[in-house]
Amino acid sequence: MTDLIKVLREIFANVAIVNRLARFNVKARWADNYLGSIWDYLEPTIYIGTYFLVFGMGMYNGSVNGQPYILWLLTGIIPWYFIQGSFNKGLTSIKSQLGLLTKIKFPVSVAPVMPMLEELRRFFVMSIVMVVVLLMYGEMPNIHWLQFIYAFVAMFATVLAHNLINSTLTVVIPDYKPAMSAIFRLIFFTSGVIINMDAKHLPYVLITIIKMFPFYYVLETFRDAFLYHIWFWDKATNATFFWLLTLLMMMIGSMIQLRFRDRFIDMV
């Protein structure tokens, strides 16, 4: 726990500067494209349209779990794009930023947070679009929509926990990044982003295990807020398991980062 407190203190102490660096990285990413940062929104829009046509109209005939598939898809895939972007860039966040962090004397602990801050603007803009679509389909704002705040905090916490571990192990273990990238593609299809994991033909044991995944919990919490109007405390067992697992992962990530950080420069 001491290691986790130290890492969190370093992150909070440098969050303003890290946020400026993250905004610079976002601008630099699309600097050579004519459409610039529009690609941040155009690319996911194309994928969302494709998933809707293939799965929504093809597999589910326009609805799933009593909701229009487009609403079910949006409330899951928009937080997923934040998770995906933060996770993938988080894998190499220390390795790619090590030279910069060494020159400007930043603690290495800020590196896993940078890709998360880079994804924030797209997440909030797309969330606004999601709300507009919900309104167009007759979903009126209600008290359960406030659970968006809890769902966001849960999403941010679990991604940070994963990034603390992954960013360190990517430097320490050469084969770690390609292995995790392959596993993450599998997680995409098992976290209920585009496929309904409550389908009756799936084995009960398998579904029970999948529902223990932290990303699955996050997506379901967003859907419970906007579509099913279920409070997170109504699923207290799931919430308790999620937060205990997230805390454990944060502690492990902080511990291994502090253990290896002085040797990072020699490993790259």
Protein backbone atom coordinates (compact mmCIF):
# COMPACT_ATOMS: atom_id res chain seq x y z
CA MET A 1 0.00 0.00 0.00
CA THR A 2 2.93 2.34 0.70
CA ASP A 3 4.14 1.93 -2.90
CA LEU A 4 0.69 2.75 -4.25
CA ILE A 5 0.41 5.89 -2.14
CA LYS A 6 3.83 7.04 -3.34
CA VAL A 7 2.94 6.50 -7.00
CA LEU A 8 -0.43 8.26 -6.66
CA ARG A 9 1.25 11.23 -4.97
CA GLU A 10 3.73 11.52 -7.84
CA ILE A 11 0.89 11.42 -10.36
CA PHE A 12 -1.22 14.08 -8.63
CA ALA A 13 1.81 16.33 -8.07
CA ASN A 14 2.57 16.39 -11.82
CA VAL A 15 -0.92 16.09 -13.33
CA ALA A 16 -1.02 19.65 -14.72
CA ILE A 17 2.21 19.29 -16.71
CA VAL A 18 1.34 15.77 -17.82
CA ASN A 19 -2.01 17.05 -19.12
CA ARG A 20 -0.22 19.66 -21.24
CA LEU A 21 2.08 16.99 -22.67
CA ALA A 22 -0.93 14.79 -23.42
CA ARG A 23 -2.67 17.60 -25.33
CA PHE A 24 0.52 18.17 -27.32
CA ASN A 25 0.70 14.46 -28.19
CA VAL A 26 -2.90 14.54 -29.44
CA LYS A 27 -2.14 17.46 -31.77
CA ALA A 28 1.11 15.88 -32.96
CA ARG A 29 -0.55 12.53 -33.75
CA TRP A 30 -2.61 13.95 -36.63
CA ALA A 31 -0.34 16.85 -37.60
CA ASP A 32 0.47 15.37 -41.03
CA ASN A 33 -3.15 14.65 -41.98
CA TYR A 34 -5.42 17.07 -43.83
CA LEU A 35 -8.36 16.37 -41.52
CA GLY A 36 -6.22 16.56 -38.39
CA SER A 37 -7.89 15.52 -35.15
CA ILE A 38 -11.18 14.90 -36.98
CA TRP A 39 -9.81 11.39 -37.45
CA ASP A 40 -10.17 10.90 -33.70
CA TYR A 41 -13.93 10.86 -34.28
CA LEU A 42 -14.21 9.77 -37.92
CA GLU A 43 -12.39 6.47 -37.39
CA PRO A 44 -14.60 5.22 -34.50
CA THR A 45 -17.72 6.43 -36.34
CA ILE A 46 -16.86 4.22 -39.31
CA TYR A 47 -16.32 1.21 -37.04
CA ILE A 48 -19.52 1.86 -35.09
CA GLY A 49 -21.47 2.01 -38.37
CA THR A 50 -19.89 -1.25 -39.50
CA TYR A 51 -20.66 -3.04 -36.23
CA PHE A 52 -24.24 -1.79 -36.35
CA LEU A 53 -24.80 -3.13 -39.84
CA VAL A 54 -23.09 -6.49 -39.27
CA PHE A 55 -24.21 -7.28 -35.73
CA GLY A 56 -27.16 -4.98 -35.08
CA MET A 57 -29.02 -5.53 -38.32
CA GLY A 58 -27.58 -8.93 -39.15
CA MET A 59 -27.26 -10.92 -35.92
CA TYR A 60 -29.71 -9.12 -33.60
CA ASN A 61 -32.29 -7.72 -36.04
CA GLY A 62 -31.99 -4.24 -34.56
CA SER A 63 -32.48 -4.96 -30.84
CA VAL A 64 -30.76 -6.71 -27.93
CA ASN A 65 -31.88 -7.23 -24.33
CA GLY A 66 -35.02 -5.21 -25.00
CA GLN A 67 -33.13 -2.16 -26.27
CA PRO A 68 -32.40 -0.83 -29.77
CA TYR A 69 -29.04 -2.29 -30.74
CA ILE A 70 -27.63 1.13 -31.64
CA LEU A 71 -28.21 2.38 -28.07
CA TRP A 72 -26.85 -0.83 -26.56
CA LEU A 73 -23.82 -0.55 -28.82
CA LEU A 74 -23.11 3.14 -28.17
CA THR A 75 -23.32 2.88 -24.37
CA GLY A 76 -20.74 0.10 -24.48
CA ILE A 77 -18.42 1.01 -27.33
CA ILE A 78 -17.81 4.64 -26.39
CA PRO A 79 -16.24 3.77 -23.02
CA TRP A 80 -14.52 0.88 -24.81
CA TYR A 81 -12.73 3.27 -27.16
CA PHE A 82 -11.32 5.05 -24.11
CA ILE A 83 -10.23 1.70 -22.65
CA GLN A 84 -8.77 0.52 -25.94
CA GLY A 85 -6.80 3.68 -26.68
CA SER A 86 -5.49 4.00 -23.14
CA PHE A 87 -4.64 0.30 -22.87
CA ASN A 88 -2.81 -0.02 -26.19
CA LYS A 89 -0.76 3.13 -25.73
CA GLY A 90 -0.31 2.33 -22.05
CA LEU A 91 1.64 -0.81 -22.96
CA THR A 92 4.53 1.26 -24.32
CA SER A 93 3.93 4.42 -22.27
CA ILE A 94 7.13 4.06 -20.22
CA LYS A 95 9.25 2.64 -23.03
CA SER A 96 8.29 5.35 -25.52
CA GLN A 97 8.47 8.26 -23.04
CA LEU A 98 11.55 7.16 -21.10
CA GLY A 99 13.96 9.51 -22.87
CA LEU A 100 11.69 12.52 -22.36
CA LEU A 101 10.96 11.68 -18.74
CA THR A 102 14.66 11.29 -18.02
CA LYS A 103 15.54 14.65 -19.57
CA ILE A 104 12.86 16.67 -17.77
CA LYS A 105 13.19 14.77 -14.49
CA PHE A 106 9.58 13.57 -14.32
CA PRO A 107 8.78 10.52 -12.21
CA VAL A 108 8.20 7.48 -14.41
CA SER A 109 4.85 6.93 -12.70
CA VAL A 110 3.26 9.69 -14.80
CA ALA A 111 3.86 7.84 -18.08
CA PRO A 112 0.95 5.35 -17.73
CA VAL A 113 -1.43 8.26 -17.08
CA MET A 114 -0.49 10.22 -20.20
CA PRO A 115 -2.33 8.01 -22.75
CA MET A 116 -5.43 8.14 -20.54
CA LEU A 117 -5.42 11.93 -20.57
CA GLU A 118 -4.92 11.85 -24.34
CA GLU A 119 -8.15 9.86 -24.70
CA LEU A 120 -10.29 12.06 -22.45
CA ARG A 121 -11.38 14.65 -25.02
CA ARG A 122 -12.58 12.04 -27.50
CA PHE A 123 -14.40 10.16 -24.76
CA PHE A 124 -16.34 13.20 -23.56
CA VAL A 125 -17.17 14.44 -27.07
CA MET A 126 -18.43 11.00 -28.08
CA SER A 127 -20.37 10.74 -24.81
CA ILE A 128 -22.22 13.93 -25.74
CA VAL A 129 -23.06 12.41 -29.12
CA MET A 130 -24.28 9.29 -27.32
CA VAL A 131 -26.61 11.36 -25.13
CA VAL A 132 -28.01 13.10 -28.22
CA VAL A 133 -28.76 9.72 -29.82
CA LEU A 134 -30.38 8.50 -26.59
CA LEU A 135 -32.64 11.55 -26.60
CA MET A 136 -33.53 10.97 -30.24
CA TYR A 137 -34.69 7.47 -29.31
CA GLY A 138 -36.88 8.80 -26.51
CA GLU A 139 -34.60 8.03 -23.55
CA MET A 140 -35.22 10.94 -21.20
CA PRO A 141 -32.64 12.05 -18.59
CA ASN A 142 -33.27 10.62 -15.13
CA ILE A 143 -31.52 10.25 -11.79
CA HIS A 144 -29.77 7.05 -12.91
CA TRP A 145 -27.78 9.00 -15.49
CA LEU A 146 -25.74 10.38 -12.58
CA GLN A 147 -24.18 6.94 -12.37
CA PHE A 148 -22.13 8.04 -15.37
CA ILE A 149 -19.77 9.66 -12.85
CA TYR A 150 -19.29 6.40 -10.95
CA ALA A 151 -18.85 4.44 -14.17
CA PHE A 152 -16.23 6.92 -15.38
CA VAL A 153 -14.28 6.72 -12.11
CA ALA A 154 -14.40 2.90 -12.24
CA MET A 155 -13.22 2.93 -15.86
CA PHE A 156 -10.37 5.35 -15.13
CA ALA A 157 -9.27 3.36 -12.07
CA THR A 158 -9.14 -0.03 -13.77
CA VAL A 159 -7.33 1.32 -16.84
CA LEU A 160 -4.76 2.97 -14.57
CA ALA A 161 -4.30 -0.32 -12.71
CA HIS A 162 -3.72 -2.18 -16.00
CA ASN A 163 -1.36 0.51 -17.30
CA LEU A 164 0.78 0.50 -14.15
CA ILE A 165 1.39 -3.22 -14.60
CA ASN A 166 1.58 -3.38 -18.39
CA SER A 167 3.88 -0.39 -18.90
CA THR A 168 6.46 -1.89 -16.54
CA LEU A 169 6.30 -5.48 -17.81
CA THR A 170 6.61 -4.29 -21.43
CA VAL A 171 10.05 -2.92 -20.56
CA VAL A 172 11.07 -5.90 -18.42
CA ILE A 173 9.74 -8.71 -20.66
CA PRO A 174 10.41 -8.26 -24.43
CA ASP A 175 7.53 -10.53 -25.54
CA TYR A 176 4.98 -9.01 -23.20
CA LYS A 177 3.55 -6.37 -25.58
CA PRO A 178 2.67 -8.67 -28.52
CA ALA A 179 1.22 -11.22 -26.10
CA MET A 180 -1.00 -8.65 -24.39
CA SER A 181 -2.05 -7.11 -27.71
CA ALA A 182 -3.28 -10.53 -28.85
CA ILE A 183 -5.10 -11.14 -25.55
CA PHE A 184 -6.71 -7.70 -25.69
CA ARG A 185 -8.22 -8.47 -29.09
CA LEU A 186 -9.85 -11.50 -27.51
CA ILE A 187 -11.09 -9.38 -24.59
CA PHE A 188 -12.83 -7.09 -27.09
CA PHE A 189 -15.17 -9.89 -28.11
CA THR A 190 -15.67 -11.24 -24.56
CA SER A 191 -16.40 -7.96 -22.79
CA GLY A 192 -19.85 -7.48 -24.30
CA VAL A 193 -18.88 -4.55 -26.50
CA ILE A 194 -20.64 -5.73 -29.66
CA ILE A 195 -21.86 -9.22 -28.71
CA ASN A 196 -24.50 -9.93 -26.07
CA MET A 197 -22.78 -12.24 -23.58
CA ASP A 198 -26.14 -13.06 -21.93
CA ALA A 199 -27.16 -15.18 -24.90
CA LYS A 200 -28.74 -18.40 -23.65
CA HIS A 201 -26.60 -20.72 -25.76
CA LEU A 202 -23.37 -19.72 -24.00
CA PRO A 203 -22.15 -21.94 -21.10
CA TYR A 204 -23.07 -20.60 -17.66
CA VAL A 205 -19.58 -21.18 -16.24
CA LEU A 206 -17.96 -19.31 -19.12
CA ILE A 207 -20.32 -16.35 -18.75
CA THR A 208 -19.72 -16.25 -14.98
CA ILE A 209 -15.97 -16.03 -15.55
CA ILE A 210 -16.33 -13.38 -18.26
CA LYS A 211 -18.50 -11.22 -16.01
CA MET A 212 -15.64 -11.13 -13.52
CA PHE A 213 -13.50 -9.22 -16.03
CA PRO A 214 -13.11 -5.56 -14.93
CA PHE A 215 -13.78 -4.19 -18.42
CA TYR A 216 -17.05 -6.11 -18.62
CA TYR A 217 -18.13 -4.59 -15.30
CA VAL A 218 -17.35 -1.07 -16.53
CA LEU A 219 -19.36 -1.44 -19.75
CA GLU A 220 -22.32 -2.95 -17.91
CA THR A 221 -22.25 -0.07 -15.41
CA PHE A 222 -22.55 2.45 -18.24
CA ARG A 223 -25.44 0.48 -19.73
CA ASP A 224 -27.13 0.16 -16.35
CA ALA A 225 -26.97 3.93 -15.98
CA PHE A 226 -28.36 4.91 -19.38
CA LEU A 227 -30.52 1.96 -20.46
CA TYR A 228 -31.54 -0.32 -17.61
CA HIS A 229 -31.68 2.19 -14.73
CA ILE A 230 -29.93 -0.06 -12.22
CA TRP A 231 -27.77 1.40 -9.45
CA PHE A 232 -24.30 -0.05 -8.95
CA TRP A 233 -25.10 -0.92 -5.33
CA ASP A 234 -27.85 -3.21 -6.58
CA LYS A 235 -24.97 -5.35 -7.83
CA ALA A 236 -22.94 -5.04 -4.65
CA THR A 237 -21.10 -8.35 -5.07
CA ASN A 238 -19.87 -7.39 -8.53
CA ALA A 239 -18.85 -3.94 -7.34
CA THR A 240 -16.95 -5.31 -4.33
CA PHE A 241 -15.06 -7.83 -6.46
CA PHE A 242 -14.25 -5.17 -9.07
CA TRP A 243 -12.82 -2.67 -6.58
CA LEU A 244 -10.85 -5.28 -4.63
CA LEU A 245 -9.32 -6.55 -7.88
CA THR A 246 -8.58 -3.01 -9.09
CA LEU A 247 -6.93 -2.09 -5.79
CA LEU A 248 -4.85 -5.28 -5.85
CA MET A 249 -3.71 -4.58 -9.43
CA MET A 250 -2.79 -0.99 -8.51
CA MET A 251 -0.73 -2.22 -5.59
CA ILE A 252 1.05 -4.81 -7.74
CA GLY A 253 1.65 -2.27 -10.52
CA SER A 254 3.07 0.31 -8.11
CA MET A 255 5.30 -2.27 -6.44
CA ILE A 256 6.89 -3.60 -9.62
CA GLN A 257 7.28 -0.13 -11.09
CA LEU A 258 9.17 1.14 -8.05
CA ARG A 259 11.26 -2.03 -8.03
CA PHE A 260 12.41 -1.73 -11.65
CA ARG A 261 12.28 2.01 -12.38
CA ASP A 262 15.98 2.59 -11.67
CA ARG A 263 16.85 -0.09 -14.22
CA PHE A 264 14.51 0.97 -17.02
CA ILE A 265 17.11 2.97 -18.91
CA ASP A 266 19.39 -0.11 -19.08
CA MET A 267 16.60 -2.36 -20.31
CA VAL A 268 15.48 -0.26 -23.26
